[in-house]
Amino acid sequence: MQVDREIDTRGLNCPLPILKAKKSLNDMASGQLLKVVSTDPGSVRDFQAFARQTGNELVAQETVGSDFIHVLKRR
């Protein structure tokens, strides 16, 4: 999957990964993809709720080792 921007939020706990994602999405064009890498297990649930609330599409979520990877599509 080709992403347009990636942010590393490893070591940060809620709500910081969401806040950083929101800030990045605000600087992106509609349809672009943002990849967020987090180590917070709660981020899986948080990004699902964030996508529902903001209208941005949660394209993918996966766990790789201790990392939780979220890919959001800018609305």
C-alpha atoms as a PDB file:
ATOM      1  CA  MET A   1       0.000   0.000   0.000  1.00  0.00           C
ATOM      2  CA  GLN A   2       1.407   3.377  -1.019  1.00  0.00           C
ATOM      3  CA  VAL A   3       0.967   5.936   1.767  1.00  0.00           C
ATOM      4  CA  ASP A   4       1.415   9.683   1.361  1.00  0.00           C
ATOM      5  CA  ARG A   5       2.634  10.383   4.885  1.00  0.00           C
ATOM      6  CA  GLU A   6       3.768   8.332   7.872  1.00  0.00           C
ATOM      7  CA  ILE A   7       3.991   9.373  11.504  1.00  0.00           C
ATOM      8  CA  ASP A   8       5.675   7.478  14.327  1.00  0.00           C
ATOM      9  CA  THR A   9       3.840   7.741  17.643  1.00  0.00           C
ATOM     10  CA  ARG A  10       5.654   4.861  19.376  1.00  0.00           C
ATOM     11  CA  GLY A  11       5.905   5.393  23.116  1.00  0.00           C
ATOM     12  CA  LEU A  12       2.986   7.843  23.194  1.00  0.00           C
ATOM     13  CA  ASN A  13      -0.283   7.000  24.900  1.00  0.00           C
ATOM     14  CA  CYS A  14      -3.825   8.160  24.199  1.00  0.00           C
ATOM     15  CA  PRO A  15      -4.765  10.759  23.181  1.00  0.00           C
ATOM     16  CA  LEU A  16      -1.417  11.796  21.649  1.00  0.00           C
ATOM     17  CA  PRO A  17      -1.419   9.381  18.649  1.00  0.00           C
ATOM     18  CA  ILE A  18      -4.919  10.607  17.718  1.00  0.00           C
ATOM     19  CA  LEU A  19      -3.958  14.264  18.124  1.00  0.00           C
ATOM     20  CA  LYS A  20      -0.854  13.851  15.970  1.00  0.00           C
ATOM     21  CA  ALA A  21      -2.881  12.001  13.321  1.00  0.00           C
ATOM     22  CA  LYS A  22      -5.527  14.725  13.324  1.00  0.00           C
ATOM     23  CA  LYS A  23      -2.867  17.416  12.862  1.00  0.00           C
ATOM     24  CA  SER A  24      -1.264  15.512   9.980  1.00  0.00           C
ATOM     25  CA  LEU A  25      -4.611  14.851   8.278  1.00  0.00           C
ATOM     26  CA  ASN A  26      -5.430  18.566   8.409  1.00  0.00           C
ATOM     27  CA  ASP A  27      -2.342  19.249   6.259  1.00  0.00           C
ATOM     28  CA  MET A  28      -3.213  16.560   3.698  1.00  0.00           C
ATOM     29  CA  ALA A  29      -5.377  16.600   0.576  1.00  0.00           C
ATOM     30  CA  SER A  30      -8.612  14.637   0.279  1.00  0.00           C
ATOM     31  CA  GLY A  31      -7.964  10.983  -0.619  1.00  0.00           C
ATOM     32  CA  GLN A  32      -4.383  10.899   0.648  1.00  0.00           C
ATOM     33  CA  LEU A  33      -3.298   8.091   2.988  1.00  0.00           C
ATOM     34  CA  LEU A  34      -1.738   8.551   6.425  1.00  0.00           C
ATOM     35  CA  LYS A  35       0.068   5.686   8.173  1.00  0.00           C
ATOM     36  CA  VAL A  36       0.324   5.908  11.961  1.00  0.00           C
ATOM     37  CA  VAL A  37       2.643   3.564  13.886  1.00  0.00           C
ATOM     38  CA  SER A  38       1.843   3.250  17.588  1.00  0.00           C
ATOM     39  CA  THR A  39       2.776   1.060  20.553  1.00  0.00           C
ATOM     40  CA  ASP A  40      -0.400   1.880  22.517  1.00  0.00           C
ATOM     41  CA  PRO A  41      -2.748  -1.157  22.474  1.00  0.00           C
ATOM     42  CA  GLY A  42      -5.684   1.192  23.058  1.00  0.00           C
ATOM     43  CA  SER A  43      -4.944   2.912  19.757  1.00  0.00           C
ATOM     44  CA  VAL A  44      -6.731   0.125  17.856  1.00  0.00           C
ATOM     45  CA  ARG A  45     -10.061   1.048  19.436  1.00  0.00           C
ATOM     46  CA  ASP A  46      -9.220   4.759  19.472  1.00  0.00           C
ATOM     47  CA  PHE A  47      -8.563   4.963  15.727  1.00  0.00           C
ATOM     48  CA  GLN A  48     -11.782   3.065  14.963  1.00  0.00           C
ATOM     49  CA  ALA A  49     -13.750   5.640  16.979  1.00  0.00           C
ATOM     50  CA  PHE A  50     -11.752   8.533  15.483  1.00  0.00           C
ATOM     51  CA  ALA A  51     -12.583   7.410  11.945  1.00  0.00           C
ATOM     52  CA  ARG A  52     -16.299   7.102  12.756  1.00  0.00           C
ATOM     53  CA  GLN A  53     -16.404  10.526  14.405  1.00  0.00           C
ATOM     54  CA  THR A  54     -14.410  12.456  11.772  1.00  0.00           C
ATOM     55  CA  GLY A  55     -15.533  10.812   8.537  1.00  0.00           C
ATOM     56  CA  ASN A  56     -11.985   9.816   7.619  1.00  0.00           C
ATOM     57  CA  GLU A  57     -11.801   6.223   6.401  1.00  0.00           C
ATOM     58  CA  LEU A  58      -9.848   3.657   8.409  1.00  0.00           C
ATOM     59  CA  VAL A  59      -8.387   1.703   5.496  1.00  0.00           C
ATOM     60  CA  ALA A  60      -6.297  -0.809   7.452  1.00  0.00           C
ATOM     61  CA  GLN A  61      -5.182  -1.842  10.915  1.00  0.00           C
ATOM     62  CA  GLU A  62      -2.578  -4.450  11.715  1.00  0.00           C
ATOM     63  CA  THR A  63      -0.306  -5.538  14.524  1.00  0.00           C
ATOM     64  CA  VAL A  64       3.344  -6.176  13.725  1.00  0.00           C
ATOM     65  CA  GLY A  65       5.274  -7.295  16.787  1.00  0.00           C
ATOM     66  CA  SER A  66       4.656  -4.621  19.422  1.00  0.00           C
ATOM     67  CA  ASP A  67       3.581  -2.035  16.824  1.00  0.00           C
ATOM     68  CA  PHE A  68       0.001  -1.188  15.936  1.00  0.00           C
ATOM     69  CA  ILE A  69      -0.288   0.195  12.415  1.00  0.00           C
ATOM     70  CA  HIS A  70      -3.255   2.279  11.293  1.00  0.00           C
ATOM     71  CA  VAL A  71      -3.854   3.634   7.792  1.00  0.00           C
ATOM     72  CA  LEU A  72      -6.350   6.462   7.410  1.00  0.00           C
ATOM     73  CA  LYS A  73      -7.705   7.966   4.207  1.00  0.00           C
ATOM     74  CA  ARG A  74      -8.327  11.706   4.374  1.00  0.00           C
ATOM     75  CA  ARG A  75     -11.974  12.591   3.722  1.00  0.00           C
END
